[in-house]
Protein backbone atom coordinates (compact mmCIF):
# COMPACT_ATOMS: atom_id res chain seq x y z
CA UNK A 1 -23.15 94.71 -27.64
CA UNK A 2 -20.65 93.25 -25.13
CA UNK A 3 -21.57 89.76 -26.33
CA UNK A 4 -21.07 90.61 -29.99
CA UNK A 5 -17.70 92.29 -29.45
CA UNK A 6 -16.33 89.60 -27.11
CA UNK A 7 -17.57 86.65 -29.14
CA UNK A 8 -16.32 87.88 -32.49
CA UNK A 9 -12.95 88.86 -31.08
CA UNK A 10 -12.56 85.31 -29.74
CA UNK A 11 -13.99 83.62 -32.87
CA UNK A 12 -13.79 86.12 -35.76
CA UNK A 13 -14.98 83.64 -38.38
CA UNK A 14 -18.10 82.62 -36.44
CA UNK A 15 -21.17 83.27 -38.61
CA UNK A 16 -23.11 86.42 -37.70
CA UNK A 17 -26.58 84.88 -37.65
CA UNK A 18 -28.51 87.63 -35.87
CA UNK A 19 -28.72 91.38 -36.13
CA UNK A 20 -28.27 93.57 -33.04
CA UNK A 21 -32.05 94.05 -33.09
CA UNK A 22 -32.62 90.29 -33.03
CA UNK A 23 -30.14 89.97 -30.15
CA UNK A 24 -32.09 92.62 -28.22
CA UNK A 25 -35.35 90.82 -28.96
CA UNK A 26 -33.83 87.67 -27.42
CA UNK A 27 -32.58 89.46 -24.31
CA UNK A 28 -35.80 91.33 -23.54
CA UNK A 29 -38.44 88.58 -23.28
CA UNK A 30 -36.14 85.66 -22.53
CA UNK A 31 -33.00 86.49 -20.58
CA UNK A 32 -34.13 89.62 -18.72
CA UNK A 33 -37.47 88.04 -17.82
CA UNK A 34 -36.29 84.59 -16.81
CA UNK A 35 -32.70 84.89 -15.56
CA UNK A 36 -30.57 86.93 -13.22
CA UNK A 37 -28.69 89.42 -15.39
CA UNK A 38 -25.74 91.36 -13.96
CA UNK A 39 -23.43 93.83 -15.62
CA UNK A 40 -20.01 95.13 -14.69
CA UNK A 41 -19.33 98.82 -15.24
CA UNK A 42 -15.80 100.16 -15.63
CA UNK A 43 -15.38 103.91 -16.00
CA UNK A 44 -19.10 104.20 -16.76
CA UNK A 45 -18.91 101.65 -19.58
CA UNK A 46 -20.54 98.22 -19.59
CA UNK A 47 -17.50 95.94 -19.62
CA UNK A 48 -19.03 92.56 -18.83
CA UNK A 49 -22.36 90.79 -18.52
CA UNK A 50 -23.72 87.53 -17.19
CA UNK A 51 -27.16 85.92 -17.44
CA UNK A 52 -27.75 82.91 -15.21
CA UNK A 53 -30.42 80.85 -13.50
CA UNK A 54 -32.24 77.52 -13.55
CA UNK A 55 -28.87 75.79 -13.17
CA UNK A 56 -27.38 77.36 -16.30
CA UNK A 57 -25.10 80.18 -17.30
CA UNK A 58 -26.76 81.39 -20.48
CA UNK A 59 -24.35 84.25 -21.23
CA UNK A 60 -21.04 85.47 -19.81
CA UNK A 61 -19.03 87.94 -21.84
CA UNK A 62 -16.34 90.50 -21.02
CA UNK A 63 -15.05 93.10 -23.46
CA UNK A 64 -11.71 91.92 -24.88
CA UNK A 65 -9.73 94.92 -23.58
CA UNK A 66 -11.11 94.29 -20.07
CA UNK A 67 -10.43 90.54 -19.97
CA UNK A 68 -7.89 89.42 -17.39
CA UNK A 69 -8.90 92.14 -14.93
CA UNK A 70 -11.15 89.96 -12.75
CA UNK A 71 -14.50 91.05 -14.20
CA UNK A 72 -15.40 87.59 -15.49
CA UNK A 73 -14.38 86.00 -12.21
CA UNK A 74 -16.57 88.40 -10.22
CA UNK A 75 -19.55 87.80 -12.50
CA UNK A 76 -19.05 84.04 -12.42
CA UNK A 77 -18.70 84.14 -8.62
CA UNK A 78 -22.17 85.67 -8.35
CA UNK A 79 -23.66 82.72 -10.22
CA UNK A 80 -21.62 80.22 -8.20
CA UNK A 81 -22.85 81.84 -4.98
CA UNK A 82 -26.49 81.71 -6.07
CA UNK A 83 -26.53 78.20 -7.58
CA UNK A 84 -25.23 74.86 -6.32
CA UNK A 85 -25.13 73.09 -9.67
CA UNK A 86 -24.27 74.86 -12.95
CA UNK A 87 -24.01 73.85 -16.58
CA UNK A 88 -22.96 75.90 -19.59
CA UNK A 89 -22.08 75.39 -23.24
CA UNK A 90 -18.97 76.85 -24.89
CA UNK A 91 -17.56 76.37 -28.36
CA UNK A 92 -14.74 73.82 -28.42
CA UNK A 93 -12.30 76.12 -30.16
CA UNK A 94 -12.82 79.00 -27.73
CA UNK A 95 -9.75 77.92 -25.78
CA UNK A 96 -9.58 81.11 -23.70
CA UNK A 97 -13.14 80.64 -22.38
CA UNK A 98 -12.58 76.95 -21.79
CA UNK A 99 -9.44 77.63 -19.76
CA UNK A 100 -11.33 80.28 -17.76
CA UNK A 101 -14.11 77.89 -16.75
CA UNK A 102 -11.74 75.02 -16.03
CA UNK A 103 -9.66 77.30 -13.79
CA UNK A 104 -12.85 77.96 -11.80
CA UNK A 105 -13.61 74.28 -11.23
CA UNK A 106 -15.84 73.49 -14.21
CA UNK A 107 -15.34 70.13 -15.92
CA UNK A 108 -16.17 69.21 -19.50
CA UNK A 109 -18.79 66.45 -19.54
CA UNK A 110 -19.89 66.27 -23.17
CA UNK A 111 -18.59 67.34 -26.57
CA UNK A 112 -20.76 67.67 -29.68
CA UNK A 113 -20.17 68.04 -33.39
CA UNK A 114 -22.18 71.28 -33.46
CA UNK A 115 -25.21 69.83 -35.19
CA UNK A 116 -27.46 70.90 -32.31
CA UNK A 117 -26.55 74.61 -32.28
CA UNK A 118 -27.47 77.19 -34.88
CA UNK A 119 -23.85 78.08 -35.66
CA UNK A 120 -23.02 74.45 -36.51
CA UNK A 121 -19.98 74.90 -34.26
CA UNK A 122 -18.66 71.97 -32.20
CA UNK A 123 -19.23 72.74 -28.56
CA UNK A 124 -18.61 71.39 -25.08
CA UNK A 125 -20.89 71.15 -22.08
CA UNK A 126 -19.31 72.14 -18.77
CA UNK A 127 -20.51 71.31 -15.29
CA UNK A 128 -19.76 72.62 -11.80
CA UNK A 129 -21.27 71.46 -8.55
CA UNK A 130 -20.76 72.88 -5.08
CA UNK A 131 -19.20 70.31 -2.81
CA UNK A 132 -21.18 69.51 0.29
CA UNK A 133 -19.81 70.99 3.48
CA UNK A 134 -18.10 68.29 5.55
CA UNK A 135 -19.89 67.33 8.73
CA UNK A 136 -17.74 67.59 11.84
CA UNK A 137 -18.55 66.29 15.27
CA UNK A 138 -17.58 68.83 17.92
CA UNK A 139 -17.44 66.10 20.56
CA UNK A 140 -13.81 64.84 20.67
CA UNK A 141 -15.04 61.47 21.94
CA UNK A 142 -17.16 61.12 18.81
CA UNK A 143 -20.46 60.87 20.71
């Protein structure tokens, strides 16, 4: 439900292609079985959710009235801690989400016309890669 509320608040004219039951059928055998799924509770209510793994963030949504409180950053940080190289798709016109990812070091690497997603919505592929730790020589003489 977090996904539906957050997505349609951001893009109210996005076509509603799946029922809540179809969404649940996608989460059960696919996301919950194959990805790390974390939720953020606030006052006993699920306020945000992320599904990630295999080098991808499949889902990251935060309820609109909880956005800007650090929930998305904490969820994203979990994925960035667990993975060294991450990709994700976002719709081009979801400017709020795009700014969020770019502020966390993700770069757009490809834009499409939307013909490859079921919504027909132009999207953008983002990428983030952990930088290698610099190698330092503890010997001041460089030996």
